[in-house]
């Protein structure tokens, strides 16, 4: 998100980010902080935590969308360590956090 917002280069602000269109269309997506040295600008510094916060609060998609993006990222992982048991553990942790 932040890599598209910095300097107003691609998108004017988080509220106008096209991730909303992905969400509305039911497309699975995950967040990334991209290159921490080159993404964003002095006002919009990227970080993994900030990306989740921006999605939920500034884009306005809420915490369920944030949780879904984390799970989608895990489901698309290439690491053999990220198996279904690992993903289920994260889902349970996120559910516990939500309650």
N, C-alpha and C. Protein backbone atom coordinates (compact mmCIF):
# COMPACT_ATOMS: atom_id res chain seq x y z
N UNK A 1 0.82 -1.19 0.00
CA UNK A 1 0.00 0.00 0.00
C UNK A 1 0.86 1.26 0.00
N UNK A 2 1.80 1.31 0.95
CA UNK A 2 2.61 2.51 1.12
C UNK A 2 3.47 2.80 -0.11
N UNK A 3 3.95 1.76 -0.77
CA UNK A 3 4.79 1.99 -1.95
C UNK A 3 4.01 2.68 -3.06
N UNK A 4 2.69 2.57 -3.03
CA UNK A 4 1.85 3.23 -4.03
C UNK A 4 1.41 4.63 -3.61
N UNK A 5 1.57 4.95 -2.34
CA UNK A 5 1.10 6.23 -1.80
C UNK A 5 2.21 7.28 -1.77
N UNK A 6 3.43 6.87 -1.44
CA UNK A 6 4.53 7.81 -1.26
C UNK A 6 4.67 8.79 -2.41
N UNK A 7 4.83 10.04 -2.07
CA UNK A 7 4.98 11.14 -3.03
C UNK A 7 3.75 11.32 -3.93
N UNK A 8 2.64 10.67 -3.62
CA UNK A 8 1.46 10.76 -4.47
C UNK A 8 1.72 10.22 -5.85
N UNK A 9 2.73 9.35 -5.94
CA UNK A 9 3.23 8.90 -7.23
C UNK A 9 2.21 8.07 -8.03
N UNK A 10 1.54 7.16 -7.37
CA UNK A 10 0.60 6.26 -8.07
C UNK A 10 -0.84 6.47 -7.62
N UNK A 11 -1.03 6.60 -6.32
CA UNK A 11 -2.36 6.76 -5.75
C UNK A 11 -2.30 7.94 -4.78
N UNK A 12 -3.33 8.79 -4.79
CA UNK A 12 -3.31 10.00 -3.96
C UNK A 12 -3.26 9.72 -2.47
N UNK A 13 -3.99 8.70 -2.01
CA UNK A 13 -4.05 8.41 -0.59
C UNK A 13 -4.51 6.97 -0.38
N UNK A 14 -4.47 6.52 0.85
CA UNK A 14 -4.84 5.13 1.15
C UNK A 14 -6.30 4.86 0.83
N UNK A 15 -7.17 5.82 1.09
CA UNK A 15 -8.60 5.62 0.87
C UNK A 15 -8.92 5.34 -0.60
N UNK A 16 -8.06 5.79 -1.51
CA UNK A 16 -8.29 5.59 -2.94
C UNK A 16 -7.50 4.41 -3.51
N UNK A 17 -6.80 3.67 -2.66
CA UNK A 17 -5.98 2.56 -3.13
C UNK A 17 -6.85 1.48 -3.79
N UNK A 18 -6.43 0.95 -4.93
CA UNK A 18 -7.24 -0.05 -5.64
C UNK A 18 -7.36 -1.41 -4.94
N UNK A 19 -6.73 -1.59 -3.78
CA UNK A 19 -6.92 -2.84 -3.04
C UNK A 19 -8.40 -3.02 -2.69
N UNK A 20 -9.13 -1.92 -2.59
CA UNK A 20 -10.57 -2.01 -2.35
C UNK A 20 -11.27 -2.77 -3.47
N UNK A 21 -10.83 -2.52 -4.70
CA UNK A 21 -11.42 -3.21 -5.85
C UNK A 21 -11.14 -4.71 -5.79
N UNK A 22 -9.93 -5.08 -5.38
CA UNK A 22 -9.60 -6.50 -5.23
C UNK A 22 -10.51 -7.13 -4.19
N UNK A 23 -10.67 -6.46 -3.07
CA UNK A 23 -11.52 -6.97 -1.99
C UNK A 23 -12.96 -7.15 -2.47
N UNK A 24 -13.48 -6.13 -3.14
CA UNK A 24 -14.87 -6.18 -3.62
C UNK A 24 -15.07 -7.30 -4.64
N UNK A 25 -14.03 -7.60 -5.44
CA UNK A 25 -14.13 -8.63 -6.46
C UNK A 25 -13.84 -10.03 -5.92
N UNK A 26 -13.49 -10.12 -4.64
CA UNK A 26 -13.21 -11.43 -4.04
C UNK A 26 -11.85 -11.99 -4.39
N UNK A 27 -10.94 -11.15 -4.87
CA UNK A 27 -9.59 -11.58 -5.23
C UNK A 27 -8.75 -11.70 -3.96
N UNK A 28 -8.06 -12.83 -3.80
CA UNK A 28 -7.17 -12.99 -2.66
C UNK A 28 -5.91 -12.16 -2.89
N UNK A 29 -5.43 -11.54 -1.85
CA UNK A 29 -4.21 -10.73 -1.93
C UNK A 29 -3.50 -10.80 -0.59
N UNK A 30 -2.24 -10.44 -0.61
CA UNK A 30 -1.49 -10.30 0.64
C UNK A 30 -0.74 -8.98 0.58
N UNK A 31 -0.34 -8.52 1.74
CA UNK A 31 0.36 -7.24 1.83
C UNK A 31 1.86 -7.47 1.92
N UNK A 32 2.60 -6.49 1.46
CA UNK A 32 4.06 -6.53 1.55
C UNK A 32 4.54 -5.12 1.79
N UNK A 33 5.62 -4.99 2.55
CA UNK A 33 6.17 -3.66 2.77
C UNK A 33 7.18 -3.30 1.69
N UNK A 34 7.30 -4.15 0.68
CA UNK A 34 8.20 -3.91 -0.45
C UNK A 34 9.63 -3.63 0.04
N UNK A 35 10.33 -2.81 -0.68
CA UNK A 35 11.70 -2.47 -0.35
C UNK A 35 11.69 -1.35 0.70
N UNK A 36 12.16 -1.66 1.88
CA UNK A 36 12.09 -0.69 2.97
C UNK A 36 12.93 0.56 2.72
N UNK A 37 13.91 0.48 1.82
CA UNK A 37 14.73 1.64 1.52
C UNK A 37 14.15 2.53 0.43
N UNK A 38 13.39 1.94 -0.49
CA UNK A 38 12.95 2.69 -1.66
C UNK A 38 11.46 2.97 -1.71
N UNK A 39 10.67 2.28 -0.91
CA UNK A 39 9.22 2.47 -0.94
C UNK A 39 8.80 3.62 -0.05
N UNK A 40 7.70 4.23 -0.39
CA UNK A 40 7.18 5.32 0.42
C UNK A 40 8.02 6.57 0.27
N UNK A 41 7.97 7.42 1.28
CA UNK A 41 8.75 8.64 1.32
C UNK A 41 8.93 9.02 2.79
N UNK A 42 9.40 10.23 3.06
CA UNK A 42 9.64 10.62 4.45
C UNK A 42 8.36 10.64 5.28
N UNK A 43 7.25 10.94 4.66
CA UNK A 43 5.98 11.00 5.36
C UNK A 43 5.32 9.62 5.48
N UNK A 44 5.61 8.73 4.54
CA UNK A 44 4.97 7.41 4.48
C UNK A 44 6.03 6.32 4.46
N UNK A 45 6.58 6.00 5.61
CA UNK A 45 7.60 4.96 5.70
C UNK A 45 6.92 3.59 5.79
N UNK A 46 7.33 2.64 4.95
CA UNK A 46 6.68 1.33 4.97
C UNK A 46 7.19 0.45 6.11
N UNK A 47 6.30 -0.40 6.60
CA UNK A 47 6.66 -1.44 7.55
C UNK A 47 5.56 -2.49 7.50
N UNK A 48 5.87 -3.74 7.82
CA UNK A 48 4.83 -4.77 7.79
C UNK A 48 3.64 -4.43 8.69
N UNK A 49 3.90 -3.96 9.88
CA UNK A 49 2.82 -3.62 10.81
C UNK A 49 1.99 -2.46 10.26
N UNK A 50 2.66 -1.46 9.73
CA UNK A 50 1.95 -0.29 9.20
C UNK A 50 1.06 -0.68 8.03
N UNK A 51 1.49 -1.61 7.20
CA UNK A 51 0.68 -2.01 6.05
C UNK A 51 -0.65 -2.61 6.51
N UNK A 52 -0.62 -3.44 7.54
CA UNK A 52 -1.85 -4.03 8.07
C UNK A 52 -2.74 -2.94 8.66
N UNK A 53 -2.14 -2.02 9.40
CA UNK A 53 -2.92 -0.92 9.98
C UNK A 53 -3.54 -0.04 8.89
N UNK A 54 -2.78 0.27 7.85
CA UNK A 54 -3.31 1.08 6.76
C UNK A 54 -4.48 0.39 6.07
N UNK A 55 -4.36 -0.92 5.85
CA UNK A 55 -5.45 -1.64 5.20
C UNK A 55 -6.72 -1.57 6.04
N UNK A 56 -6.58 -1.86 7.32
CA UNK A 56 -7.75 -1.89 8.19
C UNK A 56 -8.34 -0.51 8.43
N UNK A 57 -7.49 0.47 8.69
CA UNK A 57 -7.97 1.78 9.13
C UNK A 57 -8.04 2.82 8.02
N UNK A 58 -6.95 3.01 7.28
CA UNK A 58 -6.90 4.10 6.30
C UNK A 58 -7.60 3.74 4.99
N UNK A 59 -7.44 2.51 4.53
CA UNK A 59 -8.20 2.08 3.36
C UNK A 59 -9.65 1.85 3.78
N UNK A 60 -9.82 1.43 5.02
CA UNK A 60 -11.17 1.26 5.56
C UNK A 60 -11.77 -0.11 5.38
N UNK A 61 -10.92 -1.12 5.14
CA UNK A 61 -11.45 -2.47 4.90
C UNK A 61 -11.66 -3.27 6.19
N UNK A 62 -11.13 -2.80 7.31
CA UNK A 62 -11.38 -3.46 8.58
C UNK A 62 -10.43 -4.60 8.90
N UNK A 63 -10.60 -5.13 10.11
CA UNK A 63 -9.69 -6.14 10.63
C UNK A 63 -9.87 -7.50 9.97
N UNK A 64 -11.09 -7.83 9.55
CA UNK A 64 -11.29 -9.12 8.88
C UNK A 64 -10.50 -9.15 7.57
N UNK A 65 -10.50 -8.08 6.82
CA UNK A 65 -9.73 -8.01 5.58
C UNK A 65 -8.24 -8.12 5.88
N UNK A 66 -7.80 -7.51 6.97
CA UNK A 66 -6.39 -7.60 7.35
C UNK A 66 -6.02 -9.05 7.67
N UNK A 67 -6.86 -9.72 8.46
CA UNK A 67 -6.60 -11.13 8.78
C UNK A 67 -6.61 -11.98 7.52
N UNK A 68 -7.57 -11.74 6.64
CA UNK A 68 -7.66 -12.51 5.40
C UNK A 68 -6.42 -12.32 4.54
N UNK A 69 -5.87 -11.11 4.51
CA UNK A 69 -4.68 -10.85 3.70
C UNK A 69 -3.48 -11.61 4.25
N UNK A 70 -3.37 -11.70 5.58
CA UNK A 70 -2.27 -12.46 6.20
C UNK A 70 -2.41 -13.93 5.83
N UNK A 71 -3.60 -14.48 5.95
CA UNK A 71 -3.82 -15.89 5.64
C UNK A 71 -3.59 -16.15 4.15
N UNK A 72 -4.02 -15.27 3.29
CA UNK A 72 -3.79 -15.44 1.85
C UNK A 72 -2.30 -15.48 1.53
N UNK A 73 -1.54 -14.62 2.21
CA UNK A 73 -0.09 -14.63 2.02
C UNK A 73 0.52 -15.95 2.44
N UNK A 74 0.07 -16.48 3.56
CA UNK A 74 0.59 -17.76 4.04
C UNK A 74 0.20 -18.89 3.10
N UNK A 75 -1.03 -18.87 2.60
CA UNK A 75 -1.49 -19.91 1.69
C UNK A 75 -0.72 -19.90 0.38
N UNK A 76 -0.16 -18.76 0.01
CA UNK A 76 0.62 -18.66 -1.22
C UNK A 76 2.12 -18.81 -1.01
N UNK A 77 2.52 -19.12 0.22
CA UNK A 77 3.95 -19.23 0.53
C UNK A 77 4.58 -20.45 -0.12
N UNK A 78 5.85 -20.32 -0.49
CA UNK A 78 6.59 -21.41 -1.11
C UNK A 78 7.38 -22.23 -0.10
N UNK A 79 7.44 -21.79 1.12
CA UNK A 79 8.24 -22.47 2.14
C UNK A 79 7.57 -23.76 2.59
N UNK A 80 8.33 -24.86 2.64
CA UNK A 80 7.75 -26.10 3.15
C UNK A 80 7.40 -26.00 4.64
N UNK A 81 7.96 -25.03 5.33
CA UNK A 81 7.64 -24.85 6.75
C UNK A 81 6.24 -24.28 6.96
N UNK A 82 5.69 -23.66 5.91
CA UNK A 82 4.35 -23.08 6.01
C UNK A 82 3.36 -24.11 5.46
N UNK A 83 3.04 -25.07 6.31
CA UNK A 83 2.08 -26.11 5.92
C UNK A 83 0.72 -25.79 6.52
N UNK A 84 -0.25 -26.67 6.30
CA UNK A 84 -1.60 -26.41 6.78
C UNK A 84 -1.68 -26.29 8.31
N UNK A 85 -0.85 -27.06 9.00
CA UNK A 85 -0.84 -26.98 10.47
C UNK A 85 -0.37 -25.60 10.92
N UNK A 86 0.67 -25.08 10.26
CA UNK A 86 1.19 -23.75 10.58
C UNK A 86 0.11 -22.70 10.32
N UNK A 87 -0.53 -22.80 9.16
CA UNK A 87 -1.57 -21.83 8.79
C UNK A 87 -2.73 -21.89 9.78
N UNK A 88 -3.13 -23.09 10.18
CA UNK A 88 -4.22 -23.24 11.14
C UNK A 88 -3.84 -22.62 12.49
N UNK A 89 -2.59 -22.78 12.88
CA UNK A 89 -2.12 -22.18 14.13
C UNK A 89 -2.22 -20.66 14.07
N UNK A 90 -1.83 -20.08 12.96
CA UNK A 90 -1.92 -18.62 12.79
C UNK A 90 -3.39 -18.19 12.79
N UNK A 91 -4.23 -18.94 12.08
CA UNK A 91 -5.67 -18.61 12.07
C UNK A 91 -6.22 -18.59 13.50
N UNK A 92 -5.86 -19.60 14.28
CA UNK A 92 -6.32 -19.67 15.67
C UNK A 92 -5.81 -18.50 16.48
N UNK A 93 -4.55 -18.14 16.29
CA UNK A 93 -3.97 -17.00 17.00
C UNK A 93 -4.67 -15.71 16.64
N UNK A 94 -4.94 -15.53 15.35
CA UNK A 94 -5.63 -14.31 14.91
C UNK A 94 -7.06 -14.27 15.44
N UNK A 95 -7.70 -15.43 15.49
CA UNK A 95 -9.06 -15.49 16.03
C UNK A 95 -9.07 -15.15 17.52
N UNK A 96 -8.08 -15.69 18.25
CA UNK A 96 -7.98 -15.40 19.68
C UNK A 96 -7.74 -13.91 19.91
N UNK A 97 -6.96 -13.28 19.04
CA UNK A 97 -6.66 -11.86 19.15
C UNK A 97 -7.92 -11.02 18.90
N UNK A 98 -8.76 -11.51 18.00
CA UNK A 98 -9.97 -10.77 17.65
C UNK A 98 -11.01 -10.81 18.77
N UNK A 99 -10.91 -11.82 19.61
CA UNK A 99 -11.92 -11.97 20.67
C UNK A 99 -11.51 -11.35 21.94
